């Protein structure tokens, strides 16, 4: 969720530089609330066209056939001196990473910086990169050396699996940060404000699951019951943004909060129901890393890099434990500190003093800061103050959110939305799993959301937000049926051993998401929103949790 409130900066009134002029269309597009959904839709279309064109073989080769291996091995000619080799290479899909021929063509080059950093424990660390062109001359002690033995440790996956297991862990880190922020200081912090989206999210998970089970009970496709449960935030909120000012802001807050709770439910489903075999030893290792991260949080360690570095072994241990590796991102997010080092009063006081130093450092206000050590010191103090007043959680989310929205999710869509359509569309969508997904997302979602929201209001637990009618809730519920990212992700887990069911499920997700998007937008366009009261007419601010 963006924190951009259009606050002017020091460069706002300056003439743009050449590079800024070139980047202006992209930066303006990135600031649009709907931009993430637009990019996602574009990449989905590219994937579908690519996978069903004459270049379909190249699509499969890039994402599913070509294997990328990360390996650690010990070359025999270095065995006496304990030299370690790390191998990172892409191998041909028809060759094994264990073949002698493959290892004979691999070379290693030393990385001196890495070796210097760990020379107390390892005498020499070299990077080995697969290369078909082997240089026989001048190896010496620091040259390229062939690796002829089987690696001690390696991970080999297709590009799609690296995207789904590793890159998506970063996306789930962002999701976890958003959930934690909303629970601590957002719309989910107040029980009364959180009640409506929580009930709506529960209905939006139960309704689709029941419909899917009704069409797949007793069939081999029953494992996909979790597919229609999740909502894609980027698409849903993007469509609301496209509808403009006719949509009350309180409805956008409601749908965003609902989608976040929905994501939390999907994470629980993935961790509990889509984990087949557990390796307790690796679970213990992962628990140890989480305990260290929590202890760092208790000690108020705010060094973000240290948390992210420890996130790498956490990801590996969770991956090896049998729990899906993306859960590591959520576990890491839960340990990130969410409290500022200094409060607003201290920040304002110290920053104003630094600004006074900056202003009084020279008589000429145009004096270049690069020529004044005093002004540079004042600027660095302001930067330090700003880091201290902004919690690590918000800083990480601010940095990673654009990468998740414009890089990770589009790449995920490109790698997973390329569904080859064999036969007619009707034939593909007649699969019980496809029927359950389409009806679950386009019918079960809105019905479940509006039913439990109505129940919460009747029980007095919640009430409709200002300016929102029940037709708004129905329209938002239809938009909740845009499952896409999370739905495709769960489909990959549910039907990992059935390519045909997976293709049918993905196609059904796309169809259901399109139906939900069009239906939700059409309903909201017919809504006449209640006028939202102006801030001046709302009276004094009170705590929603206090009794009247």
Protein backbone atom coordinates (compact mmCIF):
# COMPACT_ATOMS: atom_id res chain seq x y z
CA UNK A 1 0.00 0.00 0.00
CA UNK A 2 1.49 3.30 -1.04
CA UNK A 3 2.32 6.04 1.43
CA UNK A 4 2.50 8.72 -1.28
CA UNK A 5 0.41 11.73 -0.22
CA UNK A 6 1.76 14.02 -2.97
CA UNK A 7 3.92 16.00 -0.55
CA UNK A 8 6.23 18.33 -2.51
CA UNK A 9 9.97 17.78 -2.26
CA UNK A 10 12.94 20.10 -2.69
CA UNK A 11 13.12 19.17 -6.39
CA UNK A 12 9.40 19.62 -7.11
CA UNK A 13 9.71 23.15 -8.55
CA UNK A 14 12.96 22.56 -10.44
CA UNK A 15 13.24 22.05 -14.16
CA UNK A 16 13.51 18.29 -14.83
CA UNK A 17 16.88 16.97 -15.92
CA UNK A 18 17.23 14.93 -19.14
CA UNK A 19 17.11 11.61 -17.34
CA UNK A 20 14.04 12.68 -15.38
CA UNK A 21 12.28 13.70 -18.59
CA UNK A 22 12.90 10.26 -20.06
CA UNK A 23 11.68 8.51 -16.93
CA UNK A 24 8.70 10.82 -16.33
CA UNK A 25 6.09 8.66 -18.18
CA UNK A 26 7.20 5.57 -16.24
CA UNK A 27 7.26 7.30 -12.84
CA UNK A 28 3.83 8.81 -13.45
CA UNK A 29 2.47 5.42 -14.45
CA UNK A 30 4.02 3.75 -11.39
CA UNK A 31 2.24 6.22 -9.09
CA UNK A 32 -1.18 5.20 -10.40
CA UNK A 33 -3.13 2.95 -8.04
CA UNK A 34 -4.09 0.77 -10.99
CA UNK A 35 -0.58 0.45 -12.45
CA UNK A 36 0.24 -2.85 -10.74
CA UNK A 37 -2.92 -4.45 -12.06
CA UNK A 38 -2.30 -3.11 -15.56
CA UNK A 39 1.24 -4.57 -15.66
CA UNK A 40 -0.08 -7.87 -14.32
CA UNK A 41 -2.79 -7.99 -16.97
CA UNK A 42 -0.26 -7.19 -19.71
CA UNK A 43 2.13 -9.95 -18.64
CA UNK A 44 -0.76 -12.42 -18.42
CA UNK A 45 -1.77 -11.61 -21.99
CA UNK A 46 1.83 -11.98 -23.19
CA UNK A 47 2.14 -15.36 -21.47
CA UNK A 48 -1.13 -16.66 -22.97
CA UNK A 49 -0.22 -15.51 -26.49
CA UNK A 50 3.34 -16.84 -26.19
CA UNK A 51 2.27 -20.27 -24.88
CA UNK A 52 -0.26 -20.72 -27.70
CA UNK A 53 1.86 -19.41 -30.55
CA UNK A 54 4.42 -21.12 -32.79
CA UNK A 55 7.05 -20.06 -30.22
CA UNK A 56 5.45 -22.16 -27.45
CA UNK A 57 8.48 -24.46 -27.35
CA UNK A 58 10.72 -21.54 -26.38
CA UNK A 59 8.29 -20.64 -23.56
CA UNK A 60 8.47 -24.17 -22.14
CA UNK A 61 12.22 -24.33 -22.60
CA UNK A 62 12.86 -21.05 -20.77
CA UNK A 63 10.55 -21.60 -17.81
CA UNK A 64 10.11 -25.35 -17.43
CA UNK A 65 12.82 -27.35 -19.18
CA UNK A 66 16.08 -25.50 -18.66
CA UNK A 67 17.45 -26.22 -15.19
CA UNK A 68 19.44 -23.79 -13.08
CA UNK A 69 21.71 -25.32 -10.45
CA UNK A 70 23.37 -23.81 -7.40
CA UNK A 71 25.97 -26.24 -6.07
CA UNK A 72 28.83 -26.48 -3.59
CA UNK A 73 31.57 -28.99 -4.42
CA UNK A 74 35.20 -29.87 -3.64
CA UNK A 75 37.56 -30.42 -6.55
CA UNK A 76 39.90 -33.43 -6.05
CA UNK A 77 43.06 -31.43 -6.84
CA UNK A 78 42.14 -29.06 -4.03
CA UNK A 79 41.06 -31.72 -1.57
CA UNK A 80 44.32 -31.67 0.38
CA UNK A 81 44.15 -27.95 0.95
CA UNK A 82 40.39 -27.92 1.63
CA UNK A 83 39.47 -25.63 -1.23
CA UNK A 84 35.68 -25.21 -1.66
CA UNK A 85 33.97 -24.48 -4.92
CA UNK A 86 30.54 -22.93 -5.34
CA UNK A 87 28.89 -23.76 -8.65
CA UNK A 88 26.12 -21.67 -10.14
CA UNK A 89 25.14 -22.59 -13.69
CA UNK A 90 22.33 -23.30 -16.09
CA UNK A 91 22.36 -26.80 -17.55
CA UNK A 92 20.70 -28.28 -20.57
CA UNK A 93 17.32 -29.83 -19.79
CA UNK A 94 18.38 -33.16 -21.22
CA UNK A 95 21.58 -33.44 -19.18
CA UNK A 96 22.05 -34.31 -15.53
CA UNK A 97 23.94 -32.16 -13.06
CA UNK A 98 25.69 -35.31 -11.87
CA UNK A 99 27.14 -36.40 -15.24
CA UNK A 100 30.93 -36.49 -15.36
CA UNK A 101 30.92 -34.73 -18.74
CA UNK A 102 28.98 -31.86 -17.30
CA UNK A 103 31.39 -31.43 -14.42
CA UNK A 104 34.44 -31.77 -16.63
CA UNK A 105 33.30 -28.71 -18.56
CA UNK A 106 32.80 -26.60 -15.43
CA UNK A 107 35.39 -23.99 -14.50
CA UNK A 108 36.07 -22.05 -11.33
CA UNK A 109 37.33 -18.50 -10.88
CA UNK A 110 38.38 -17.07 -7.50
CA UNK A 111 36.47 -14.20 -5.95
CA UNK A 112 39.05 -12.54 -3.79
CA UNK A 113 36.66 -10.44 -1.75
CA UNK A 114 34.64 -13.47 -0.66
CA UNK A 115 37.81 -15.42 0.12
CA UNK A 116 39.21 -12.60 2.24
CA UNK A 117 35.97 -12.38 4.22
CA UNK A 118 36.03 -16.03 5.31
CA UNK A 119 39.71 -16.93 5.07
CA UNK A 120 39.82 -17.84 8.79
CA UNK A 121 37.52 -20.79 8.18
CA UNK A 122 38.14 -21.69 4.53
CA UNK A 123 41.56 -21.39 2.88
CA UNK A 124 40.25 -20.63 -0.57
CA UNK A 125 36.72 -20.06 -1.86
CA UNK A 126 36.14 -20.10 -5.61
CA UNK A 127 33.11 -19.50 -7.79
CA UNK A 128 32.50 -22.22 -10.38
CA UNK A 129 30.38 -21.26 -13.37
CA UNK A 130 29.39 -23.85 -15.98
CA UNK A 131 31.16 -23.16 -19.28
CA UNK A 132 31.45 -25.28 -22.36
CA UNK A 133 34.73 -23.61 -23.36
CA UNK A 134 37.42 -25.02 -21.07
CA UNK A 135 40.82 -23.33 -20.86
CA UNK A 136 43.55 -25.86 -20.23
CA UNK A 137 46.41 -23.47 -19.80
CA UNK A 138 47.75 -21.44 -16.92
CA UNK A 139 45.53 -22.69 -14.12
CA UNK A 140 47.98 -22.28 -11.28
CA UNK A 141 46.67 -21.73 -7.78
CA UNK A 142 44.31 -18.95 -8.80
CA UNK A 143 43.11 -20.03 -12.24
CA UNK A 144 40.09 -21.88 -13.62
CA UNK A 145 39.83 -25.44 -12.31
CA UNK A 146 37.53 -28.26 -13.51
CA UNK A 147 35.13 -29.82 -10.98
CA UNK A 148 35.05 -33.56 -11.55
CA UNK A 149 33.33 -34.83 -8.41
CA UNK A 150 29.67 -34.85 -7.48
CA UNK A 151 28.78 -31.69 -5.52
CA UNK A 152 28.41 -31.89 -1.75
CA UNK A 153 25.26 -29.74 -1.92
CA UNK A 154 23.18 -28.54 -4.79
CA UNK A 155 19.72 -27.26 -5.67
CA UNK A 156 18.52 -27.72 -9.22
CA UNK A 157 15.17 -26.40 -10.42
CA UNK A 158 13.51 -25.05 -13.49
CA UNK A 159 13.20 -21.30 -13.85
CA UNK A 160 9.48 -21.44 -12.96
CA UNK A 161 10.21 -23.27 -9.70
CA UNK A 162 12.91 -20.77 -8.71
CA UNK A 163 10.38 -18.01 -9.38
CA UNK A 164 7.60 -19.75 -7.43
CA UNK A 165 9.76 -20.84 -4.50
CA UNK A 166 12.34 -18.07 -4.12
CA UNK A 167 11.09 -14.87 -5.77
CA UNK A 168 7.60 -15.36 -4.38
CA UNK A 169 9.08 -15.62 -0.89
CA UNK A 170 10.03 -11.95 -1.29
CA UNK A 171 6.46 -11.18 -2.36
CA UNK A 172 5.15 -12.98 0.72
CA UNK A 173 7.57 -10.96 2.82
CA UNK A 174 5.82 -7.83 1.53
CA UNK A 175 2.42 -9.41 2.21
CA UNK A 176 3.53 -10.27 5.74
CA UNK A 177 4.75 -6.73 6.32
CA UNK A 178 1.40 -5.33 5.14
CA UNK A 179 -0.51 -7.70 7.43
CA UNK A 180 1.63 -6.81 10.43
CA UNK A 181 1.32 -3.07 9.75
CA UNK A 182 -2.46 -3.27 9.42
CA UNK A 183 -2.76 -5.28 12.64
CA UNK A 184 -0.50 -2.94 14.64
CA UNK A 185 -1.53 0.48 13.39
CA UNK A 186 -3.93 0.16 10.45
CA UNK A 187 -7.54 -0.73 9.81
CA UNK A 188 -7.17 -4.06 11.62
CA UNK A 189 -5.83 -2.47 14.81
CA UNK A 190 -9.31 -1.52 16.09
CA UNK A 191 -11.66 -4.49 16.71
CA UNK A 192 -14.72 -2.50 15.61
CA UNK A 193 -13.10 -1.30 12.36
CA UNK A 194 -11.60 -4.73 11.69
CA UNK A 195 -14.79 -6.72 12.30
CA UNK A 196 -16.45 -6.09 8.92
CA UNK A 197 -13.46 -6.96 6.67
CA UNK A 198 -12.60 -9.95 8.88
CA UNK A 199 -16.13 -11.36 8.62
CA UNK A 200 -16.17 -10.57 4.90
CA UNK A 201 -12.87 -12.37 4.37
CA UNK A 202 -14.10 -15.43 6.28
CA UNK A 203 -17.21 -15.56 4.12
CA UNK A 204 -15.09 -15.04 1.03
CA UNK A 205 -13.02 -18.11 1.94
CA UNK A 206 -15.77 -20.42 3.18
CA UNK A 207 -18.25 -19.80 0.31
CA UNK A 208 -15.88 -20.61 -2.58
CA UNK A 209 -14.44 -23.65 -0.79
CA UNK A 210 -17.91 -25.11 -0.21
CA UNK A 211 -18.91 -24.61 -3.84
CA UNK A 212 -15.68 -26.22 -5.06
CA UNK A 213 -16.16 -29.21 -2.75
CA UNK A 214 -19.76 -29.61 -3.95
CA UNK A 215 -18.56 -30.13 -7.54
CA UNK A 216 -15.43 -32.16 -6.74
CA UNK A 217 -16.34 -34.27 -3.73
CA UNK A 218 -15.03 -37.81 -4.14
CA UNK A 219 -13.04 -36.91 -7.25
CA UNK A 220 -9.27 -36.76 -7.69
CA UNK A 221 -9.55 -32.98 -8.15
CA UNK A 222 -10.77 -32.39 -4.57
CA UNK A 223 -7.27 -31.26 -3.53
CA UNK A 224 -7.83 -27.91 -5.24
CA UNK A 225 -10.48 -26.73 -2.74
CA UNK A 226 -8.18 -23.92 -1.56
CA UNK A 227 -7.71 -22.40 -5.04
CA UNK A 228 -10.79 -20.11 -5.14
CA UNK A 229 -10.30 -18.77 -1.61
CA UNK A 230 -7.83 -15.91 -2.19
CA UNK A 231 -8.21 -12.36 -3.56
CA UNK A 232 -5.64 -10.58 -5.72
CA UNK A 233 -5.09 -7.16 -4.10
CA UNK A 234 -3.38 -5.58 -7.12
CA UNK A 235 -6.20 -6.33 -9.54
CA UNK A 236 -9.10 -5.65 -7.16
CA UNK A 237 -7.83 -2.34 -5.81
CA UNK A 238 -6.64 -1.35 -9.29
CA UNK A 239 -10.16 -1.67 -10.70
CA UNK A 240 -11.54 0.39 -7.80
CA UNK A 241 -8.97 3.08 -8.63
CA UNK A 242 -10.05 3.05 -12.30
CA UNK A 243 -13.64 3.81 -11.23
CA UNK A 244 -12.41 7.09 -9.76
CA UNK A 245 -14.17 9.39 -7.33
CA UNK A 246 -17.56 7.69 -7.73
CA UNK A 247 -16.26 5.03 -5.31
CA UNK A 248 -16.15 6.14 -1.64
CA UNK A 249 -12.70 5.94 -0.10
CA UNK A 250 -14.08 3.90 2.81
CA UNK A 251 -14.97 1.13 0.33
CA UNK A 252 -11.36 1.06 -0.93
CA UNK A 253 -10.17 0.72 2.67
CA UNK A 254 -12.71 -2.07 3.27
CA UNK A 255 -11.67 -4.06 0.18
CA UNK A 256 -7.95 -3.61 0.89
CA UNK A 257 -8.37 -4.77 4.50
CA UNK A 258 -10.50 -7.71 3.35
CA UNK A 259 -7.88 -8.75 0.81
CA UNK A 260 -5.13 -8.59 3.44
CA UNK A 261 -7.10 -10.81 5.83
CA UNK A 262 -7.85 -13.05 2.86
CA UNK A 263 -4.12 -13.37 2.17
CA UNK A 264 -3.52 -14.28 5.81
CA UNK A 265 -6.12 -17.04 5.53
CA UNK A 266 -4.52 -18.28 2.31
CA UNK A 267 -1.14 -18.45 4.04
CA UNK A 268 -2.62 -20.59 6.81
CA UNK A 269 -4.21 -22.88 4.21
CA UNK A 270 -0.89 -23.25 2.37
CA UNK A 271 1.07 -23.98 5.54
CA UNK A 272 -1.43 -26.44 7.04
CA UNK A 273 -3.13 -28.21 4.14
CA UNK A 274 -0.60 -28.09 1.30
CA UNK A 275 2.36 -29.47 3.22
CA UNK A 276 2.76 -33.19 2.56
CA UNK A 277 5.93 -34.43 4.27
CA UNK A 278 7.53 -32.66 7.20
CA UNK A 279 11.22 -32.90 8.03
CA UNK A 280 11.27 -32.18 11.75
CA UNK A 281 15.02 -31.54 11.86
CA UNK A 282 14.77 -28.72 9.33
CA UNK A 283 11.70 -27.37 11.08
CA UNK A 284 13.84 -27.20 14.20
CA UNK A 285 16.57 -25.33 12.32
CA UNK A 286 13.98 -22.90 10.95
CA UNK A 287 12.57 -22.44 14.46
CA UNK A 288 16.05 -21.65 15.73
CA UNK A 289 16.52 -18.94 13.11
CA UNK A 290 13.09 -17.47 13.94
CA UNK A 291 14.01 -17.50 17.64
CA UNK A 292 17.22 -15.58 16.85
CA UNK A 293 15.25 -13.06 14.79
CA UNK A 294 12.71 -12.63 17.59
CA UNK A 295 15.52 -12.14 20.11
CA UNK A 296 16.98 -9.47 17.84
CA UNK A 297 13.57 -7.80 17.81
CA UNK A 298 13.43 -7.88 21.63
CA UNK A 299 16.89 -6.31 21.74
CA UNK A 300 15.60 -3.58 19.38
CA UNK A 301 18.14 -4.43 16.70
CA UNK A 302 17.24 -2.17 13.78
CA UNK A 303 19.90 -3.20 11.27
CA UNK A 304 17.70 -4.24 8.35
CA UNK A 305 20.52 -5.98 6.46
CA UNK A 306 21.03 -8.44 9.33
CA UNK A 307 17.38 -9.49 9.25
CA UNK A 308 17.48 -10.00 5.48
CA UNK A 309 20.73 -11.98 5.64
CA UNK A 310 19.25 -14.32 8.26
CA UNK A 311 16.22 -14.64 6.01
CA UNK A 312 18.30 -16.68 3.52
CA UNK A 313 19.02 -19.66 5.84
CA UNK A 314 15.43 -19.35 7.11
CA UNK A 315 14.19 -19.73 3.54
CA UNK A 316 16.41 -22.77 2.96
CA UNK A 317 15.39 -24.53 6.18
CA UNK A 318 11.69 -23.92 5.55
CA UNK A 319 12.12 -25.17 1.98
CA UNK A 320 13.85 -28.36 3.15
CA UNK A 321 11.29 -28.93 5.92
CA UNK A 322 8.49 -29.64 3.44
CA UNK A 323 6.53 -26.48 4.27
CA UNK A 324 6.32 -24.28 1.21
CA UNK A 325 9.35 -21.99 1.15
CA UNK A 326 7.31 -18.80 0.72
CA UNK A 327 6.11 -19.13 4.32
CA UNK A 328 9.65 -18.07 5.27
CA UNK A 329 8.85 -14.59 3.96
CA UNK A 330 5.88 -14.30 6.32
CA UNK A 331 7.89 -15.60 9.29
CA UNK A 332 10.63 -13.07 8.56
CA UNK A 333 8.07 -10.25 8.28
CA UNK A 334 6.65 -11.13 11.71
CA UNK A 335 10.04 -10.48 13.34
CA UNK A 336 10.80 -7.12 11.69
CA UNK A 337 10.65 -4.27 14.28
CA UNK A 338 7.61 -2.03 13.84
CA UNK A 339 8.48 0.65 16.41
CA UNK A 340 10.37 3.86 15.75
CA UNK A 341 13.60 4.66 17.59
CA UNK A 342 12.60 8.29 18.22
CA UNK A 343 9.17 9.89 18.57
CA UNK A 344 7.74 12.74 16.52
CA UNK A 345 8.65 15.42 19.09
CA UNK A 346 12.32 14.44 19.17
CA UNK A 347 12.39 14.16 15.39
CA UNK A 348 10.96 17.65 14.88
CA UNK A 349 13.25 19.21 17.48
CA UNK A 350 16.49 17.62 16.26
CA UNK A 351 15.67 18.08 12.58
CA UNK A 352 14.88 21.77 13.07
CA UNK A 353 18.22 22.23 14.82
CA UNK A 354 19.95 20.53 11.90
CA UNK A 355 18.08 22.81 9.47
CA UNK A 356 19.17 25.84 11.50
CA UNK A 357 22.78 24.66 11.29
CA UNK A 358 22.36 24.18 7.55
CA UNK A 359 20.84 27.65 7.08
CA UNK A 360 23.41 29.46 9.25
CA UNK A 361 26.48 27.64 7.94
CA UNK A 362 27.08 30.31 5.28
CA UNK A 363 25.89 33.81 4.50
CA UNK A 364 25.10 32.93 0.89
CA UNK A 365 21.93 30.75 0.80
CA UNK A 366 22.98 29.46 -2.64
CA UNK A 367 26.34 28.22 -1.34
CA UNK A 368 26.87 24.69 -2.66
CA UNK A 369 26.45 22.01 0.01
CA UNK A 370 29.33 20.03 -1.51
CA UNK A 371 31.72 22.84 -0.49
CA UNK A 372 30.57 23.01 3.13
CA UNK A 373 31.39 20.21 5.56
CA UNK A 374 29.02 21.78 8.10
CA UNK A 375 26.09 21.66 5.72
CA UNK A 376 26.93 18.09 4.76
CA UNK A 377 26.96 17.15 8.43
CA UNK A 378 23.54 18.78 8.90
CA UNK A 379 22.12 16.87 5.93
CA UNK A 380 23.51 13.57 7.24
CA UNK A 381 21.95 14.32 10.65
CA UNK A 382 18.56 14.85 8.97
CA UNK A 383 18.95 11.58 7.07
CA UNK A 384 19.82 9.79 10.32
CA UNK A 385 16.83 11.35 12.09
CA UNK A 386 14.53 10.24 9.29
CA UNK A 387 15.78 6.67 9.54
CA UNK A 388 15.24 6.69 13.29
CA UNK A 389 11.66 8.02 13.14
CA UNK A 390 10.58 5.51 10.48
CA UNK A 391 10.35 1.89 11.77
CA UNK A 392 12.31 -0.82 9.90
CA UNK A 393 9.01 -2.47 8.91
CA UNK A 394 7.88 0.63 7.01
CA UNK A 395 11.30 1.17 5.44
CA UNK A 396 11.51 -2.40 4.11
CA UNK A 397 7.94 -2.28 2.82
CA UNK A 398 8.58 1.05 1.09
CA UNK A 399 11.64 -0.36 -0.69
CA UNK A 400 10.25 -3.79 -1.60
CA UNK A 401 6.69 -2.87 -2.59
CA UNK A 402 7.61 -1.50 -6.06
CA UNK A 403 9.81 -4.54 -6.73
CA UNK A 404 6.97 -6.87 -5.76
CA UNK A 405 4.37 -4.98 -7.83
CA UNK A 406 6.41 -4.32 -10.98
CA UNK A 407 8.99 -7.13 -11.07
CA UNK A 408 8.16 -10.21 -8.98
CA UNK A 409 4.42 -10.52 -9.63
CA UNK A 410 4.71 -9.77 -13.39
CA UNK A 411 7.49 -12.37 -13.70
CA UNK A 412 5.34 -14.83 -11.75
CA UNK A 413 2.43 -14.15 -14.12
CA UNK A 414 4.65 -14.56 -17.19
CA UNK A 415 5.98 -17.91 -15.92
CA UNK A 416 2.63 -19.32 -14.76
CA UNK A 417 -0.13 -17.83 -16.93
CA UNK A 418 1.14 -19.36 -20.17
CA UNK A 419 -1.56 -21.99 -20.46
CA UNK A 420 -1.60 -24.01 -23.69
CA UNK A 421 -5.22 -24.57 -24.73
CA UNK A 422 -5.56 -28.05 -26.17
CA UNK A 423 -8.96 -28.50 -27.75
CA UNK A 424 -11.85 -26.09 -27.26
CA UNK A 425 -12.25 -23.70 -24.35
CA UNK A 426 -15.55 -25.38 -23.42
CA UNK A 427 -13.82 -28.75 -23.25
CA UNK A 428 -11.13 -27.39 -20.94
CA UNK A 429 -13.63 -25.68 -18.66
CA UNK A 430 -15.84 -28.77 -18.33
CA UNK A 431 -13.35 -30.27 -15.87
CA UNK A 432 -14.90 -30.50 -12.36
CA UNK A 433 -12.02 -28.48 -10.93
CA UNK A 434 -12.57 -25.73 -13.50
CA UNK A 435 -16.30 -25.58 -12.77
CA UNK A 436 -15.66 -25.41 -9.03
CA UNK A 437 -13.10 -22.63 -9.45
CA UNK A 438 -15.24 -20.50 -11.78
CA UNK A 439 -18.38 -20.77 -9.65
CA UNK A 440 -16.38 -20.50 -6.43
CA UNK A 441 -14.72 -17.23 -7.42
CA UNK A 442 -17.53 -15.57 -9.37
CA UNK A 443 -20.48 -16.75 -7.23
CA UNK A 444 -19.16 -18.10 -3.93
CA UNK A 445 -16.93 -15.11 -3.22
CA UNK A 446 -19.54 -12.33 -3.42
CA UNK A 447 -22.23 -14.41 -1.72
CA UNK A 448 -19.92 -15.43 1.12
CA UNK A 449 -18.64 -11.88 1.65
CA UNK A 450 -22.05 -10.21 1.68
CA UNK A 451 -23.64 -12.98 3.81
CA UNK A 452 -21.12 -12.80 6.66
CA UNK A 453 -20.90 -8.99 6.49
CA UNK A 454 -24.70 -8.86 6.86
CA UNK A 455 -24.52 -11.33 9.76
CA UNK A 456 -21.88 -9.20 11.51
CA UNK A 457 -24.06 -6.09 11.13
CA UNK A 458 -27.21 -7.88 12.36
CA UNK A 459 -25.32 -9.14 15.42
CA UNK A 460 -24.12 -5.60 16.13
CA UNK A 461 -20.47 -6.59 15.84
CA UNK A 462 -19.84 -4.29 12.87
CA UNK A 463 -21.53 -1.63 10.77
CA UNK A 464 -21.20 -0.43 7.19
CA UNK A 465 -18.52 2.24 6.63
CA UNK A 466 -19.62 5.83 5.97
CA UNK A 467 -20.88 6.36 2.44
CA UNK A 468 -21.10 2.61 1.68
CA UNK A 469 -24.30 0.78 0.75
CA UNK A 470 -24.99 -2.95 0.49
CA UNK A 471 -24.71 -2.66 -3.30
CA UNK A 472 -21.18 -1.38 -2.77
CA UNK A 473 -20.43 -4.44 -0.63
CA UNK A 474 -21.82 -6.74 -3.35
CA UNK A 475 -19.68 -5.02 -5.98
CA UNK A 476 -16.59 -5.25 -3.77
CA UNK A 477 -17.42 -8.91 -3.16
CA UNK A 478 -17.47 -9.52 -6.91
CA UNK A 479 -14.05 -7.87 -7.20
CA UNK A 480 -12.91 -10.19 -4.42
CA UNK A 481 -13.43 -13.02 -6.90
CA UNK A 482 -10.35 -11.87 -8.81
CA UNK A 483 -8.11 -14.59 -7.43
CA UNK A 484 -5.31 -14.63 -10.00
CA UNK A 485 -1.90 -14.47 -8.22
CA UNK A 486 -2.70 -16.38 -5.03
CA UNK A 487 -5.14 -18.71 -6.82
CA UNK A 488 -2.54 -19.70 -9.44
CA UNK A 489 0.02 -20.10 -6.67
CA UNK A 490 -2.21 -22.53 -4.73
CA UNK A 491 -3.12 -24.34 -7.97
CA UNK A 492 0.59 -25.06 -8.52
CA UNK A 493 0.67 -26.71 -5.09
CA UNK A 494 -2.64 -28.57 -5.38
CA UNK A 495 -2.04 -30.06 -8.82
CA UNK A 496 1.74 -30.32 -8.87
CA UNK A 497 1.44 -33.95 -10.04
CA UNK A 498 -1.28 -33.44 -12.63
CA UNK A 499 -0.40 -31.24 -15.60
CA UNK A 500 -3.86 -31.51 -17.19
CA UNK A 501 -5.75 -30.51 -14.04
CA UNK A 502 -3.27 -27.67 -13.48
CA UNK A 503 -3.87 -26.31 -16.99
CA UNK A 504 -7.63 -26.51 -16.53
CA UNK A 505 -7.39 -24.82 -13.12
CA UNK A 506 -5.26 -21.95 -14.43
CA UNK A 507 -7.58 -21.34 -17.35
CA UNK A 508 -10.57 -21.38 -15.00
CA UNK A 509 -8.84 -18.86 -12.73
CA UNK A 510 -8.36 -16.48 -15.66
CA UNK A 511 -11.97 -16.86 -16.80
CA UNK A 512 -13.37 -16.45 -13.28
CA UNK A 513 -11.17 -13.42 -12.61
CA UNK A 514 -12.39 -11.79 -15.83
CA UNK A 515 -16.03 -12.47 -14.95
CA UNK A 516 -15.51 -11.10 -11.43
CA UNK A 517 -13.73 -7.97 -12.67
CA UNK A 518 -16.39 -7.13 -15.25
CA UNK A 519 -19.26 -7.98 -12.92
CA UNK A 520 -17.85 -6.06 -9.98
CA UNK A 521 -17.12 -2.96 -12.05
CA UNK A 522 -20.61 -3.06 -13.59
CA UNK A 523 -22.31 -3.26 -10.18
CA UNK A 524 -20.22 -0.44 -8.71
CA UNK A 525 -20.93 1.79 -11.72
CA UNK A 526 -24.65 1.60 -10.86
CA UNK A 527 -24.10 2.57 -7.22
CA UNK A 528 -25.11 5.93 -5.85
CA UNK A 529 -22.79 6.45 -2.92
CA UNK A 530 -23.93 8.17 0.22
CA UNK A 531 -22.15 11.50 0.71
CA UNK A 532 -19.19 11.13 3.03
CA UNK A 533 -19.12 13.81 5.75
CA UNK A 534 -16.41 16.42 5.52
CA UNK A 535 -13.77 16.30 8.29
CA UNK A 536 -15.00 19.63 9.71
CA UNK A 537 -18.55 18.31 10.17
CA UNK A 538 -17.59 15.04 11.80
CA UNK A 539 -17.15 16.52 15.28
CA UNK A 540 -14.32 15.72 17.67
CA UNK A 541 -12.26 12.61 17.02
CA UNK A 542 -12.95 9.75 19.43
CA UNK A 543 -11.57 6.27 19.87
CA UNK A 544 -13.80 3.83 18.01
CA UNK A 545 -13.11 1.24 20.69
CA UNK A 546 -14.49 3.37 23.54
CA UNK A 547 -18.07 2.92 24.68
CA UNK A 548 -20.54 5.67 23.77
